[in-house]
Amino acid sequence: MGKFDGLVLVADFDGTFRPYGMDCVPEENLRAVEGFMTRGGRFTVATGRDPRSFRGIRGQFAVNAPAILSNGAVLQDAGTGESLYESFLPFSCREDFRRLLAAFPEVGMEVHRGEDVRVCRLTPGVEEHLRNMGAPVSVVPPEKILFPWTKAAFIVPGPLAEENPQCGDILAWLEENCPGRYDAAPSGAIVDVACAGSTKGTGVLRLLEYLGAGREGLFCAGDGWNDLPMLRLAHRAFAPETALAAVRQEPGITVTGPAGRCLRDIVELLEELY
């Protein structure tokens, strides 16, 4: 029996496990999660990154549970790359998103189909986002992109990592014009849109079902709006001190040190609790 048998630790990647602006996961965080897994704990990441982008960072760290990708739209075996679960946007999304682009002519759009990424409107923000993901630019009209679509990403003008009020305008437009059809989550200057019922929270519930684990042993860490659904489900939730104020102030959140040592701080606390 290991010290952390029965515990599941799920961390957001960008801004939590790996700080923004860094090319690799800090050694403190790596050692902490490796020790957690060695003593029986299950560790993985929940990220807005799609399978292609996740493959590009996968070699930086170890996990011993399936990864939650595309903000909960995909549950993937991190070793084999096999999708254990994947949700898809409704067919109505093509017309819905055409109207959204007409309402926001300066906003760029990407369509994600598994590991295939297509661009419906190329902007400087889209180009930067694709460079960060390591994906080539392939511009195609929405009507030429085959279904099914896993998610769409709308990118507003401005620095990618900074909160942008125009993301709120996109969320409001979707709620008014497409009620109940989508789950949308802002992250900096990006709004990820998946089918209704696909969030990091539902992704974590599918992970627990797959592992045969309960919420009483679930610990989650995140720094952004898209992390709130899983943080609210956790037995105990954490946020780095560099997280958004709305996340740090969420009831029940324990604030750790900065992202560079967030997971180290969490595992040290678990050492005391267990």
C-alpha atoms as a PDB file:
ATOM      1  CA  MET A   1       0.000   0.000   0.000  1.00  0.00           C
ATOM      2  CA  GLY A   2       1.321   3.431  -0.942  1.00  0.00           C
ATOM      3  CA  LYS A   3       0.845   6.606   1.050  1.00  0.00           C
ATOM      4  CA  PHE A   4      -1.312   8.160  -1.699  1.00  0.00           C
ATOM      5  CA  ASP A   5      -3.289   5.109  -2.826  1.00  0.00           C
ATOM      6  CA  GLY A   6      -6.777   6.173  -3.919  1.00  0.00           C
ATOM      7  CA  LEU A   7      -5.845   9.831  -4.477  1.00  0.00           C
ATOM      8  CA  VAL A   8      -6.187  11.515  -7.881  1.00  0.00           C
ATOM      9  CA  LEU A   9      -4.375  14.786  -8.599  1.00  0.00           C
ATOM     10  CA  VAL A  10      -5.383  16.716 -11.737  1.00  0.00           C
ATOM     11  CA  ALA A  11      -3.519  19.892 -12.743  1.00  0.00           C
ATOM     12  CA  ASP A  12      -4.049  22.454 -15.439  1.00  0.00           C
ATOM     13  CA  PHE A  13      -0.922  22.654 -17.587  1.00  0.00           C
ATOM     14  CA  ASP A  14      -0.276  26.240 -18.782  1.00  0.00           C
ATOM     15  CA  GLY A  15      -0.071  28.651 -15.871  1.00  0.00           C
ATOM     16  CA  THR A  16      -0.301  25.935 -13.188  1.00  0.00           C
ATOM     17  CA  PHE A  17       1.995  22.958 -13.837  1.00  0.00           C
ATOM     18  CA  ARG A  18       4.195  24.987 -16.211  1.00  0.00           C
ATOM     19  CA  PRO A  19       4.356  28.781 -15.751  1.00  0.00           C
ATOM     20  CA  TYR A  20       3.568  31.012 -18.698  1.00  0.00           C
ATOM     21  CA  GLY A  21       6.678  31.982 -20.622  1.00  0.00           C
ATOM     22  CA  MET A  22       8.654  28.852 -19.678  1.00  0.00           C
ATOM     23  CA  ASP A  23       9.633  26.142 -22.152  1.00  0.00           C
ATOM     24  CA  CYS A  24       9.651  23.308 -19.635  1.00  0.00           C
ATOM     25  CA  VAL A  25       7.983  22.222 -16.398  1.00  0.00           C
ATOM     26  CA  PRO A  26       9.977  23.403 -13.346  1.00  0.00           C
ATOM     27  CA  GLU A  27      12.000  20.708 -11.617  1.00  0.00           C
ATOM     28  CA  GLU A  28      10.215  21.305  -8.297  1.00  0.00           C
ATOM     29  CA  ASN A  29       6.856  20.437  -9.836  1.00  0.00           C
ATOM     30  CA  LEU A  30       8.273  17.432 -11.691  1.00  0.00           C
ATOM     31  CA  ARG A  31       9.850  15.930  -8.569  1.00  0.00           C
ATOM     32  CA  ALA A  32       6.672  16.491  -6.580  1.00  0.00           C
ATOM     33  CA  VAL A  33       4.337  14.662  -8.979  1.00  0.00           C
ATOM     34  CA  GLU A  34       6.860  11.870  -9.555  1.00  0.00           C
ATOM     35  CA  GLY A  35       7.004  11.293  -5.798  1.00  0.00           C
ATOM     36  CA  PHE A  36       3.207  11.414  -5.621  1.00  0.00           C
ATOM     37  CA  MET A  37       2.901   8.720  -8.300  1.00  0.00           C
ATOM     38  CA  THR A  38       5.667   6.568  -6.820  1.00  0.00           C
ATOM     39  CA  ARG A  39       3.656   6.357  -3.599  1.00  0.00           C
ATOM     40  CA  GLY A  40       0.425   5.237  -5.238  1.00  0.00           C
ATOM     41  CA  GLY A  41      -1.225   8.489  -6.354  1.00  0.00           C
ATOM     42  CA  ARG A  42      -2.710   8.963  -9.820  1.00  0.00           C
ATOM     43  CA  PHE A  43      -1.610  12.156 -11.586  1.00  0.00           C
ATOM     44  CA  THR A  44      -2.598  13.735 -14.881  1.00  0.00           C
ATOM     45  CA  VAL A  45      -3.264  17.078 -16.555  1.00  0.00           C
ATOM     46  CA  ALA A  46      -6.462  18.766 -17.734  1.00  0.00           C
ATOM     47  CA  THR A  47      -5.749  21.271 -20.472  1.00  0.00           C
ATOM     48  CA  GLY A  48      -7.408  23.255 -23.221  1.00  0.00           C
ATOM     49  CA  ARG A  49      -4.693  21.989 -25.576  1.00  0.00           C
ATOM     50  CA  ASP A  50      -5.884  19.625 -28.281  1.00  0.00           C
ATOM     51  CA  PRO A  51      -4.297  16.197 -28.949  1.00  0.00           C
ATOM     52  CA  ARG A  52      -1.775  17.573 -31.441  1.00  0.00           C
ATOM     53  CA  SER A  53      -0.558  20.319 -29.121  1.00  0.00           C
ATOM     54  CA  PHE A  54      -0.518  17.910 -26.174  1.00  0.00           C
ATOM     55  CA  ARG A  55       1.735  15.542 -28.105  1.00  0.00           C
ATOM     56  CA  GLY A  56       4.235  18.386 -28.438  1.00  0.00           C
ATOM     57  CA  ILE A  57       4.558  18.819 -24.646  1.00  0.00           C
ATOM     58  CA  ARG A  58       4.006  15.211 -23.595  1.00  0.00           C
ATOM     59  CA  GLY A  59       7.715  14.443 -23.242  1.00  0.00           C
ATOM     60  CA  GLN A  60       8.185  17.093 -20.548  1.00  0.00           C
ATOM     61  CA  PHE A  61       6.519  15.133 -17.737  1.00  0.00           C
ATOM     62  CA  ALA A  62       5.117  11.791 -16.612  1.00  0.00           C
ATOM     63  CA  VAL A  63       1.482  10.934 -15.857  1.00  0.00           C
ATOM     64  CA  ASN A  64      -0.107   7.654 -14.788  1.00  0.00           C
ATOM     65  CA  ALA A  65      -3.729   8.418 -15.670  1.00  0.00           C
ATOM     66  CA  PRO A  66      -5.493   9.466 -18.878  1.00  0.00           C
ATOM     67  CA  ALA A  67      -5.164  13.128 -19.880  1.00  0.00           C
ATOM     68  CA  ILE A  68      -8.133  15.498 -20.194  1.00  0.00           C
ATOM     69  CA  LEU A  69      -7.709  17.531 -23.397  1.00  0.00           C
ATOM     70  CA  SER A  70      -9.612  20.215 -25.330  1.00  0.00           C
ATOM     71  CA  ASN A  71     -11.202  21.469 -22.082  1.00  0.00           C
ATOM     72  CA  GLY A  72     -12.888  18.125 -21.434  1.00  0.00           C
ATOM     73  CA  ALA A  73     -13.922  17.203 -24.985  1.00  0.00           C
ATOM     74  CA  VAL A  74     -11.250  14.461 -25.124  1.00  0.00           C
ATOM     75  CA  LEU A  75     -10.064  11.839 -22.625  1.00  0.00           C
ATOM     76  CA  GLN A  76      -6.846  10.338 -23.959  1.00  0.00           C
ATOM     77  CA  ASP A  77      -4.524   7.509 -22.971  1.00  0.00           C
ATOM     78  CA  ALA A  78      -1.395   9.614 -22.582  1.00  0.00           C
ATOM     79  CA  GLY A  79       0.862   6.664 -23.363  1.00  0.00           C
ATOM     80  CA  THR A  80      -0.701   5.352 -26.573  1.00  0.00           C
ATOM     81  CA  GLY A  81      -2.484   8.518 -27.720  1.00  0.00           C
ATOM     82  CA  GLU A  82      -5.749   6.554 -28.008  1.00  0.00           C
ATOM     83  CA  SER A  83      -8.929   8.553 -27.416  1.00  0.00           C
ATOM     84  CA  LEU A  84     -10.931   6.928 -24.629  1.00  0.00           C
ATOM     85  CA  TYR A  85     -13.715   9.482 -25.022  1.00  0.00           C
ATOM     86  CA  GLU A  86     -14.362  12.293 -27.461  1.00  0.00           C
ATOM     87  CA  SER A  87     -17.324  14.642 -27.846  1.00  0.00           C
ATOM     88  CA  PHE A  88     -18.201  16.546 -31.008  1.00  0.00           C
ATOM     89  CA  LEU A  89     -19.830  19.837 -31.859  1.00  0.00           C
ATOM     90  CA  PRO A  90     -23.400  19.678 -33.246  1.00  0.00           C
ATOM     91  CA  PHE A  91     -23.868  20.013 -36.990  1.00  0.00           C
ATOM     92  CA  SER A  92     -25.522  23.390 -36.393  1.00  0.00           C
ATOM     93  CA  CYS A  93     -22.112  24.785 -35.399  1.00  0.00           C
ATOM     94  CA  ARG A  94     -21.127  25.547 -38.997  1.00  0.00           C
ATOM     95  CA  GLU A  95     -23.944  28.059 -39.457  1.00  0.00           C
ATOM     96  CA  ASP A  96     -23.727  29.292 -35.846  1.00  0.00           C
ATOM     97  CA  PHE A  97     -20.029  30.071 -36.187  1.00  0.00           C
ATOM     98  CA  ARG A  98     -20.493  31.686 -39.600  1.00  0.00           C
ATOM     99  CA  ARG A  99     -22.873  34.153 -37.938  1.00  0.00           C
ATOM    100  CA  LEU A 100     -20.460  34.651 -35.046  1.00  0.00           C
ATOM    101  CA  LEU A 101     -17.636  35.556 -37.442  1.00  0.00           C
ATOM    102  CA  ALA A 102     -19.919  38.009 -39.214  1.00  0.00           C
ATOM    103  CA  ALA A 103     -20.689  39.658 -35.860  1.00  0.00           C
ATOM    104  CA  PHE A 104     -16.972  39.837 -34.917  1.00  0.00           C
ATOM    105  CA  PRO A 105     -15.051  40.575 -38.148  1.00  0.00           C
ATOM    106  CA  GLU A 106     -11.701  41.052 -36.358  1.00  0.00           C
ATOM    107  CA  VAL A 107     -11.815  37.675 -34.570  1.00  0.00           C
ATOM    108  CA  GLY A 108      -9.902  34.650 -35.904  1.00  0.00           C
ATOM    109  CA  MET A 109     -11.227  31.089 -35.881  1.00  0.00           C
ATOM    110  CA  GLU A 110      -9.685  27.624 -35.732  1.00  0.00           C
ATOM    111  CA  VAL A 111     -11.473  24.284 -36.102  1.00  0.00           C
ATOM    112  CA  HIS A 112      -9.996  21.263 -34.309  1.00  0.00           C
ATOM    113  CA  ARG A 113     -10.756  17.736 -35.544  1.00  0.00           C
ATOM    114  CA  GLY A 114      -8.702  15.393 -33.378  1.00  0.00           C
ATOM    115  CA  GLU A 115      -5.120  16.223 -34.374  1.00  0.00           C
ATOM    116  CA  ASP A 116      -6.179  18.122 -37.497  1.00  0.00           C
ATOM    117  CA  VAL A 117      -6.383  21.921 -37.123  1.00  0.00           C
ATOM    118  CA  ARG A 118      -7.888  24.126 -39.821  1.00  0.00           C
ATOM    119  CA  VAL A 119      -8.125  27.916 -39.923  1.00  0.00           C
ATOM    120  CA  CYS A 120     -11.362  29.587 -40.988  1.00  0.00           C
ATOM    121  CA  ARG A 121     -10.143  33.161 -40.550  1.00  0.00           C
ATOM    122  CA  LEU A 122      -6.425  33.862 -40.284  1.00  0.00           C
ATOM    123  CA  THR A 123      -5.356  36.696 -37.965  1.00  0.00           C
ATOM    124  CA  PRO A 124      -2.035  37.511 -36.257  1.00  0.00           C
ATOM    125  CA  GLY A 125      -3.424  35.971 -33.064  1.00  0.00           C
ATOM    126  CA  VAL A 126      -4.280  32.724 -34.847  1.00  0.00           C
ATOM    127  CA  GLU A 127      -0.799  32.585 -36.386  1.00  0.00           C
ATOM    128  CA  GLU A 128       0.807  33.058 -32.967  1.00  0.00           C
ATOM    129  CA  HIS A 129      -1.448  30.442 -31.375  1.00  0.00           C
ATOM    130  CA  LEU A 130      -0.625  27.867 -34.067  1.00  0.00           C
ATOM    131  CA  ARG A 131       3.107  28.568 -33.724  1.00  0.00           C
ATOM    132  CA  ASN A 132       2.808  27.924 -29.987  1.00  0.00           C
ATOM    133  CA  MET A 133       1.014  24.634 -30.682  1.00  0.00           C
ATOM    134  CA  GLY A 134       3.432  23.597 -33.408  1.00  0.00           C
ATOM    135  CA  ALA A 135       0.588  23.300 -35.930  1.00  0.00           C
ATOM    136  CA  PRO A 136       0.845  24.424 -39.574  1.00  0.00           C
ATOM    137  CA  VAL A 137      -1.470  27.097 -40.963  1.00  0.00           C
ATOM    138  CA  SER A 138      -4.119  25.568 -43.231  1.00  0.00           C
ATOM    139  CA  VAL A 139      -6.821  28.072 -44.253  1.00  0.00           C
ATOM    140  CA  VAL A 140     -10.127  26.504 -45.325  1.00  0.00           C
ATOM    141  CA  PRO A 141     -13.691  27.918 -45.466  1.00  0.00           C
ATOM    142  CA  PRO A 142     -15.947  26.393 -42.774  1.00  0.00           C
ATOM    143  CA  GLU A 143     -18.160  24.728 -45.377  1.00  0.00           C
ATOM    144  CA  LYS A 144     -15.140  22.787 -46.699  1.00  0.00           C
ATOM    145  CA  ILE A 145     -14.143  21.292 -43.325  1.00  0.00           C
ATOM    146  CA  LEU A 146     -15.493  17.788 -42.847  1.00  0.00           C
ATOM    147  CA  PHE A 147     -17.359  16.819 -39.690  1.00  0.00           C
ATOM    148  CA  PRO A 148     -17.042  15.852 -36.905  1.00  0.00           C
ATOM    149  CA  TRP A 149     -15.450  18.882 -35.207  1.00  0.00           C
ATOM    150  CA  THR A 150     -14.096  18.440 -31.676  1.00  0.00           C
ATOM    151  CA  LYS A 151     -13.919  22.122 -30.806  1.00  0.00           C
ATOM    152  CA  ALA A 152     -13.517  25.597 -32.249  1.00  0.00           C
ATOM    153  CA  ALA A 153     -11.223  28.326 -30.959  1.00  0.00           C
ATOM    154  CA  PHE A 154     -12.008  32.014 -31.433  1.00  0.00           C
ATOM    155  CA  ILE A 155      -9.040  34.337 -30.951  1.00  0.00           C
ATOM    156  CA  VAL A 156      -9.572  38.035 -30.310  1.00  0.00           C
ATOM    157  CA  PRO A 157      -6.974  40.748 -31.017  1.00  0.00           C
ATOM    158  CA  GLY A 158      -4.447  41.284 -28.225  1.00  0.00           C
ATOM    159  CA  PRO A 159      -1.796  39.383 -26.247  1.00  0.00           C
ATOM    160  CA  LEU A 160      -2.748  35.709 -26.099  1.00  0.00           C
ATOM    161  CA  ALA A 161      -2.036  35.227 -22.389  1.00  0.00           C
ATOM    162  CA  GLU A 162      -3.865  38.343 -21.144  1.00  0.00           C
ATOM    163  CA  GLU A 163      -7.541  38.477 -20.185  1.00  0.00           C
ATOM    164  CA  ASN A 164      -9.535  40.244 -22.879  1.00  0.00           C
ATOM    165  CA  PRO A 165     -13.003  41.757 -22.396  1.00  0.00           C
ATOM    166  CA  GLN A 166     -13.963  40.892 -25.973  1.00  0.00           C
ATOM    167  CA  CYS A 167     -13.946  37.230 -24.954  1.00  0.00           C
ATOM    168  CA  GLY A 168     -16.890  38.102 -22.726  1.00  0.00           C
ATOM    169  CA  ASP A 169     -18.687  39.569 -25.753  1.00  0.00           C
ATOM    170  CA  ILE A 170     -18.248  36.262 -27.613  1.00  0.00           C
ATOM    171  CA  LEU A 171     -19.573  34.293 -24.629  1.00  0.00           C
ATOM    172  CA  ALA A 172     -22.583  36.604 -24.416  1.00  0.00           C
ATOM    173  CA  TRP A 173     -23.244  36.253 -28.162  1.00  0.00           C
ATOM    174  CA  LEU A 174     -23.181  32.452 -27.934  1.00  0.00           C
ATOM    175  CA  GLU A 175     -25.506  32.442 -24.932  1.00  0.00           C
ATOM    176  CA  GLU A 176     -27.990  34.759 -26.654  1.00  0.00           C
ATOM    177  CA  ASN A 177     -27.905  33.237 -30.133  1.00  0.00           C
ATOM    178  CA  CYS A 178     -27.158  29.554 -29.436  1.00  0.00           C
ATOM    179  CA  PRO A 179     -28.599  28.814 -25.976  1.00  0.00           C
ATOM    180  CA  GLY A 180     -27.800  25.364 -24.625  1.00  0.00           C
ATOM    181  CA  ARG A 181     -25.760  24.180 -27.614  1.00  0.00           C
ATOM    182  CA  TYR A 182     -22.207  24.871 -26.444  1.00  0.00           C
ATOM    183  CA  ASP A 183     -19.842  25.060 -23.487  1.00  0.00           C
ATOM    184  CA  ALA A 184     -17.423  27.943 -24.001  1.00  0.00           C
ATOM    185  CA  ALA A 185     -14.433  28.877 -21.862  1.00  0.00           C
ATOM    186  CA  PRO A 186     -12.161  31.920 -22.155  1.00  0.00           C
ATOM    187  CA  SER A 187      -8.408  31.641 -21.638  1.00  0.00           C
ATOM    188  CA  GLY A 188      -6.537  34.873 -22.227  1.00  0.00           C
ATOM    189  CA  ALA A 189      -7.486  36.070 -25.712  1.00  0.00           C
ATOM    190  CA  ILE A 190      -8.910  32.675 -26.728  1.00  0.00           C
ATOM    191  CA  VAL A 191     -12.439  31.317 -26.375  1.00  0.00           C
ATOM    192  CA  ASP A 192     -12.624  27.525 -26.744  1.00  0.00           C
ATOM    193  CA  VAL A 193     -16.052  26.244 -27.757  1.00  0.00           C
ATOM    194  CA  ALA A 194     -17.040  22.583 -27.366  1.00  0.00           C
ATOM    195  CA  CYS A 195     -20.401  20.853 -27.342  1.00  0.00           C
ATOM    196  CA  ALA A 196     -22.664  21.365 -24.342  1.00  0.00           C
ATOM    197  CA  GLY A 197     -21.528  19.198 -21.467  1.00  0.00           C
ATOM    198  CA  SER A 198     -17.822  19.269 -22.354  1.00  0.00           C
ATOM    199  CA  THR A 199     -15.832  21.049 -19.654  1.00  0.00           C
ATOM    200  CA  LYS A 200     -12.855  20.196 -17.501  1.00  0.00           C
ATOM    201  CA  GLY A 201     -15.414  19.291 -14.848  1.00  0.00           C
ATOM    202  CA  THR A 202     -17.161  16.674 -16.972  1.00  0.00           C
ATOM    203  CA  GLY A 203     -13.737  15.497 -18.143  1.00  0.00           C
ATOM    204  CA  VAL A 204     -12.674  14.906 -14.538  1.00  0.00           C
ATOM    205  CA  LEU A 205     -15.879  12.958 -13.829  1.00  0.00           C
ATOM    206  CA  ARG A 206     -15.184  10.708 -16.824  1.00  0.00           C
ATOM    207  CA  LEU A 207     -11.624  10.243 -15.594  1.00  0.00           C
ATOM    208  CA  LEU A 208     -12.834   9.188 -12.133  1.00  0.00           C
ATOM    209  CA  GLU A 209     -15.290   6.736 -13.692  1.00  0.00           C
ATOM    210  CA  TYR A 210     -12.498   5.278 -15.831  1.00  0.00           C
ATOM    211  CA  LEU A 211     -10.220   4.909 -12.794  1.00  0.00           C
ATOM    212  CA  GLY A 212     -12.975   3.626 -10.517  1.00  0.00           C
ATOM    213  CA  ALA A 213     -12.163   6.467  -8.088  1.00  0.00           C
ATOM    214  CA  GLY A 214     -14.379   8.778  -6.048  1.00  0.00           C
ATOM    215  CA  ARG A 215     -14.485  12.532  -5.565  1.00  0.00           C
ATOM    216  CA  GLU A 216     -13.445  12.135  -1.918  1.00  0.00           C
ATOM    217  CA  GLY A 217      -9.890  11.505  -3.178  1.00  0.00           C
ATOM    218  CA  LEU A 218      -9.906  14.131  -5.948  1.00  0.00           C
ATOM    219  CA  PHE A 219      -7.528  17.113  -5.811  1.00  0.00           C
ATOM    220  CA  CYS A 220      -7.456  19.676  -8.633  1.00  0.00           C
ATOM    221  CA  ALA A 221      -5.311  22.715  -9.414  1.00  0.00           C
ATOM    222  CA  GLY A 222      -5.879  25.465 -11.960  1.00  0.00           C
ATOM    223  CA  ASP A 223      -5.471  29.151 -12.670  1.00  0.00           C
ATOM    224  CA  GLY A 224      -8.111  30.182 -15.231  1.00  0.00           C
ATOM    225  CA  TRP A 225     -11.822  30.399 -15.997  1.00  0.00           C
ATOM    226  CA  ASN A 226     -11.793  27.062 -17.808  1.00  0.00           C
ATOM    227  CA  ASP A 227     -10.475  25.375 -14.638  1.00  0.00           C
ATOM    228  CA  LEU A 228     -13.387  26.398 -12.420  1.00  0.00           C
ATOM    229  CA  PRO A 229     -15.699  23.475 -13.349  1.00  0.00           C
ATOM    230  CA  MET A 230     -13.152  20.909 -12.153  1.00  0.00           C
ATOM    231  CA  LEU A 231     -12.036  22.970  -9.152  1.00  0.00           C
ATOM    232  CA  ARG A 232     -15.642  23.082  -7.945  1.00  0.00           C
ATOM    233  CA  LEU A 233     -15.867  19.270  -8.107  1.00  0.00           C
ATOM    234  CA  ALA A 234     -12.685  18.533  -6.186  1.00  0.00           C
ATOM    235  CA  HIS A 235     -12.536  17.313  -2.609  1.00  0.00           C
ATOM    236  CA  ARG A 236      -9.944  20.051  -2.288  1.00  0.00           C
ATOM    237  CA  ALA A 237      -8.996  22.629  -4.918  1.00  0.00           C
ATOM    238  CA  PHE A 238      -5.872  24.728  -5.379  1.00  0.00           C
ATOM    239  CA  ALA A 239      -4.750  27.733  -7.390  1.00  0.00           C
ATOM    240  CA  PRO A 240      -1.300  29.268  -7.760  1.00  0.00           C
ATOM    241  CA  GLU A 241      -0.887  32.800  -6.427  1.00  0.00           C
ATOM    242  CA  THR A 242      -0.463  33.835 -10.078  1.00  0.00           C
ATOM    243  CA  ALA A 243      -4.012  32.641 -10.960  1.00  0.00           C
ATOM    244  CA  LEU A 244      -6.811  34.980 -11.978  1.00  0.00           C
ATOM    245  CA  ALA A 245      -8.316  36.851  -9.047  1.00  0.00           C
ATOM    246  CA  ALA A 246     -11.702  35.233  -9.727  1.00  0.00           C
ATOM    247  CA  VAL A 247     -10.111  31.794  -9.330  1.00  0.00           C
ATOM    248  CA  ARG A 248      -8.131  32.664  -6.196  1.00  0.00           C
ATOM    249  CA  GLN A 249     -11.286  34.096  -4.612  1.00  0.00           C
ATOM    250  CA  GLU A 250     -13.508  31.111  -5.466  1.00  0.00           C
ATOM    251  CA  PRO A 251     -14.904  29.633  -2.216  1.00  0.00           C
ATOM    252  CA  GLY A 252     -12.898  26.662  -0.994  1.00  0.00           C
ATOM    253  CA  ILE A 253      -9.769  27.396  -3.045  1.00  0.00           C
ATOM    254  CA  THR A 254      -6.396  27.016  -1.319  1.00  0.00           C
ATOM    255  CA  VAL A 255      -3.854  29.419  -2.806  1.00  0.00           C
ATOM    256  CA  THR A 256      -0.322  28.043  -3.178  1.00  0.00           C
ATOM    257  CA  GLY A 257       2.915  29.695  -4.230  1.00  0.00           C
ATOM    258  CA  PRO A 258       3.424  30.681  -7.885  1.00  0.00           C
ATOM    259  CA  ALA A 259       2.971  28.258 -10.771  1.00  0.00           C
ATOM    260  CA  GLY A 260       6.641  27.303 -10.671  1.00  0.00           C
ATOM    261  CA  ARG A 261       6.135  25.443  -7.400  1.00  0.00           C
ATOM    262  CA  CYS A 262       2.352  25.023  -7.251  1.00  0.00           C
ATOM    263  CA  LEU A 263       2.395  21.217  -7.500  1.00  0.00           C
ATOM    264  CA  ARG A 264       5.259  20.994  -5.014  1.00  0.00           C
ATOM    265  CA  ASP A 265       3.197  22.952  -2.490  1.00  0.00           C
ATOM    266  CA  ILE A 266       0.155  20.713  -3.075  1.00  0.00           C
ATOM    267  CA  VAL A 267       2.072  17.470  -2.616  1.00  0.00           C
ATOM    268  CA  GLU A 268       3.724  18.827   0.536  1.00  0.00           C
ATOM    269  CA  LEU A 269       0.258  19.565   1.937  1.00  0.00           C
ATOM    270  CA  LEU A 270      -0.929  16.063   1.019  1.00  0.00           C
ATOM    271  CA  GLU A 271       2.082  14.720   2.892  1.00  0.00           C
ATOM    272  CA  GLU A 272       0.725  16.404   6.024  1.00  0.00           C
ATOM    273  CA  LEU A 273      -2.873  15.342   5.437  1.00  0.00           C
ATOM    274  CA  TYR A 274      -2.068  11.682   4.725  1.00  0.00           C
END
